[in-house]
Amino acid sequence: MKNEKLVLDHLPLANSIAWKKNQKTPKNVMLEDLKSVAYFALVKAADNYNSDLGSFCNYARIRINGDIIDYLRNFILTTNRFKPTEDLEFVENSNRTQNTKDFFDFIFSKLNRIESTILRMYYLENKTMKEIGVLHGICESRISQILKKCHSRIKYIKELS
């Protein structure tokens, strides 16, 4: 009963955070999806709240923001993920490569060891950024930065070829 009151009292907060986040996202991110994430985060926050943590409003705000950011990361990863099949035209038009495996070998040869290892784990072994980070002892956000850098380098390599 207490949790239900907390949730109902703070629904406007969840709506507000979802709306503000939606203003800064690509058009294909739906406000209703962000609201759903915010509502679930609010319920989880109410379930896990302990008055020792300070005010519920601040606690809920942090939890809602965090869950929306996680959702957006996953959304962007699943909608913008680099796929080898998208580069088949490059593979077919290149003297250096005969198939996708040769394409990857060519790309990996142009990257440093850590970049090629992370790319291989992420795209060929389908490991998550978190799993790769744990294996290499670096944080997930650094894995994301390395992948972004690799994507830029791959585009540059493709332009040169």
Protein backbone atom coordinates (compact mmCIF):
# COMPACT_ATOMS: atom_id res chain seq x y z
CA MET A 1 0.00 0.00 0.00
CA LYS A 2 2.81 2.39 0.90
CA ASN A 3 4.65 1.58 -2.34
CA GLU A 4 1.48 2.13 -4.36
CA LYS A 5 1.10 5.63 -2.90
CA LEU A 6 4.76 6.43 -3.64
CA VAL A 7 4.31 5.32 -7.25
CA LEU A 8 1.07 7.23 -7.78
CA ASP A 9 2.45 10.38 -6.17
CA HIS A 10 5.54 10.30 -8.38
CA LEU A 11 4.01 9.43 -11.76
CA PRO A 12 4.36 13.07 -12.88
CA LEU A 13 8.10 12.82 -12.14
CA ALA A 14 8.39 9.70 -14.32
CA ASN A 15 6.43 11.41 -17.12
CA SER A 16 8.59 14.52 -16.90
CA ILE A 17 11.87 12.61 -17.05
CA ALA A 18 10.65 10.50 -19.99
CA TRP A 19 9.49 13.59 -21.87
CA LYS A 20 12.80 15.43 -21.30
CA LYS A 21 14.85 12.42 -22.42
CA ASN A 22 12.64 12.05 -25.49
CA GLN A 23 13.46 15.61 -26.55
CA LYS A 24 17.14 14.63 -26.85
CA THR A 25 16.72 11.31 -28.68
CA PRO A 26 16.33 10.33 -32.34
CA LYS A 27 12.84 10.50 -33.78
CA ASN A 28 12.50 6.71 -33.90
CA VAL A 29 12.54 6.57 -30.07
CA MET A 30 8.91 6.69 -28.99
CA LEU A 31 7.84 8.74 -25.97
CA GLU A 32 5.45 5.95 -24.92
CA ASP A 33 8.38 3.51 -24.75
CA LEU A 34 10.32 5.88 -22.53
CA LYS A 35 7.28 6.37 -20.31
CA SER A 36 6.94 2.60 -19.91
CA VAL A 37 10.59 2.32 -18.92
CA ALA A 38 10.14 5.22 -16.50
CA TYR A 39 7.04 3.65 -14.91
CA PHE A 40 8.78 0.31 -14.40
CA ALA A 41 11.79 2.11 -12.93
CA LEU A 42 9.50 4.02 -10.59
CA VAL A 43 7.89 0.79 -9.37
CA LYS A 44 11.32 -0.81 -8.85
CA ALA A 45 12.48 2.31 -7.01
CA ALA A 46 9.44 2.17 -4.71
CA ASP A 47 10.04 -1.53 -4.02
CA ASN A 48 13.73 -0.99 -3.22
CA TYR A 49 13.44 2.32 -1.41
CA ASN A 50 14.84 2.62 2.08
CA SER A 51 14.42 5.90 3.96
CA ASP A 52 18.14 5.76 4.82
CA LEU A 53 18.78 6.58 1.14
CA GLY A 54 17.39 10.11 1.48
CA SER A 55 14.29 11.51 -0.17
CA PHE A 56 12.32 9.16 -2.39
CA CYS A 57 12.05 11.82 -5.10
CA ASN A 58 15.83 12.03 -5.54
CA TYR A 59 16.22 8.26 -5.36
CA ALA A 60 13.46 7.71 -7.93
CA ARG A 61 14.89 10.38 -10.25
CA ILE A 62 18.27 8.61 -10.30
CA ARG A 63 16.70 5.18 -10.88
CA ILE A 64 14.40 6.44 -13.66
CA ASN A 65 17.20 8.29 -15.44
CA GLY A 66 19.46 5.25 -15.18
CA ASP A 67 16.87 2.85 -16.56
CA ILE A 68 16.01 5.16 -19.45
CA ILE A 69 19.69 5.56 -20.31
CA ASP A 70 20.12 1.76 -20.24
CA TYR A 71 17.09 1.38 -22.48
CA LEU A 72 18.42 3.97 -24.94
CA ARG A 73 21.83 2.27 -25.07
CA ASN A 74 20.20 -1.06 -25.86
CA PHE A 75 17.84 0.57 -28.36
CA ILE A 76 20.70 2.26 -30.21
CA LEU A 77 22.82 -0.88 -30.17
CA THR A 78 20.05 -3.01 -31.62
CA THR A 79 19.04 -0.51 -34.28
CA ASN A 80 22.46 0.78 -35.35
CA ARG A 81 24.58 -2.32 -34.94
CA PHE A 82 27.19 -2.77 -37.64
CA LYS A 83 26.40 -5.88 -39.66
CA PRO A 84 28.93 -7.58 -41.93
CA THR A 85 26.22 -8.22 -44.53
CA GLU A 86 25.81 -4.47 -45.03
CA ASP A 87 29.37 -4.40 -46.34
CA LEU A 88 28.93 -7.13 -48.94
CA GLU A 89 28.94 -4.53 -51.71
CA PHE A 90 32.37 -3.41 -50.51
CA VAL A 91 33.50 -7.03 -50.37
CA GLU A 92 32.27 -7.72 -53.90
CA ASN A 93 33.89 -4.58 -55.32
CA SER A 94 37.26 -5.01 -53.70
CA ASN A 95 40.29 -6.73 -55.28
CA ARG A 96 41.64 -7.47 -51.80
CA THR A 97 38.74 -9.49 -50.49
CA GLN A 98 36.84 -12.49 -51.80
CA ASN A 99 34.38 -13.08 -48.99
CA THR A 100 33.27 -11.76 -45.65
CA LYS A 101 35.99 -13.62 -43.73
CA ASP A 102 38.67 -12.06 -45.93
CA PHE A 103 36.99 -8.70 -45.43
CA PHE A 104 37.23 -9.05 -41.65
CA ASP A 105 40.82 -10.29 -41.86
CA PHE A 106 41.66 -7.26 -43.98
CA ILE A 107 39.94 -4.87 -41.55
CA PHE A 108 41.50 -6.53 -38.49
CA SER A 109 44.94 -6.19 -40.04
CA LYS A 110 44.46 -2.41 -40.16
CA LEU A 111 43.48 -2.13 -36.48
CA ASN A 112 45.64 -2.50 -33.39
CA ARG A 113 45.48 -5.71 -31.34
CA ILE A 114 42.98 -4.53 -28.73
CA GLU A 115 40.66 -2.98 -31.35
CA SER A 116 40.64 -6.11 -33.51
CA THR A 117 40.13 -8.34 -30.46
CA ILE A 118 37.18 -6.27 -29.24
CA LEU A 119 35.64 -6.10 -32.72
CA ARG A 120 36.04 -9.85 -33.16
CA MET A 121 34.48 -10.59 -29.77
CA TYR A 122 31.60 -8.16 -30.29
CA TYR A 123 30.61 -8.94 -33.87
CA LEU A 124 31.82 -12.46 -34.54
CA GLU A 125 31.47 -14.02 -31.09
CA ASN A 126 28.37 -11.93 -30.17
CA LYS A 127 29.70 -11.00 -26.73
CA THR A 128 28.15 -8.01 -24.97
CA MET A 129 30.17 -4.91 -24.11
CA LYS A 130 29.88 -5.87 -20.47
CA GLU A 131 31.31 -9.36 -21.10
CA ILE A 132 34.17 -7.93 -23.15
CA GLY A 133 34.89 -5.36 -20.46
CA VAL A 134 35.08 -8.00 -17.77
CA LEU A 135 37.45 -10.12 -19.86
CA HIS A 136 39.76 -7.15 -20.55
CA GLY A 137 39.42 -5.44 -17.17
CA ILE A 138 37.98 -2.22 -18.61
CA CYS A 139 34.58 -0.61 -18.24
CA GLU A 140 31.69 -1.02 -20.63
CA SER A 141 31.78 2.65 -21.67
CA ARG A 142 35.43 2.29 -22.75
CA ILE A 143 34.45 -0.73 -24.89
CA SER A 144 31.78 1.46 -26.49
CA GLN A 145 34.35 4.18 -27.20
CA ILE A 146 36.73 1.68 -28.77
CA LEU A 147 33.96 0.25 -30.97
CA LYS A 148 32.97 3.76 -32.09
CA LYS A 149 36.59 4.51 -32.95
CA CYS A 150 36.80 1.24 -34.90
CA HIS A 151 33.67 2.11 -36.86
CA SER A 152 35.22 5.44 -37.86
CA ARG A 153 38.44 3.73 -38.91
CA ILE A 154 36.54 1.09 -40.91
CA LYS A 155 34.62 3.82 -42.77
CA TYR A 156 37.92 5.55 -43.53
CA ILE A 157 39.47 2.28 -44.75
CA LYS A 158 36.45 1.63 -46.96
CA GLU A 159 36.74 5.12 -48.48
CA LEU A 160 40.40 4.50 -49.32
CA SER A 161 39.71 1.14 -50.95
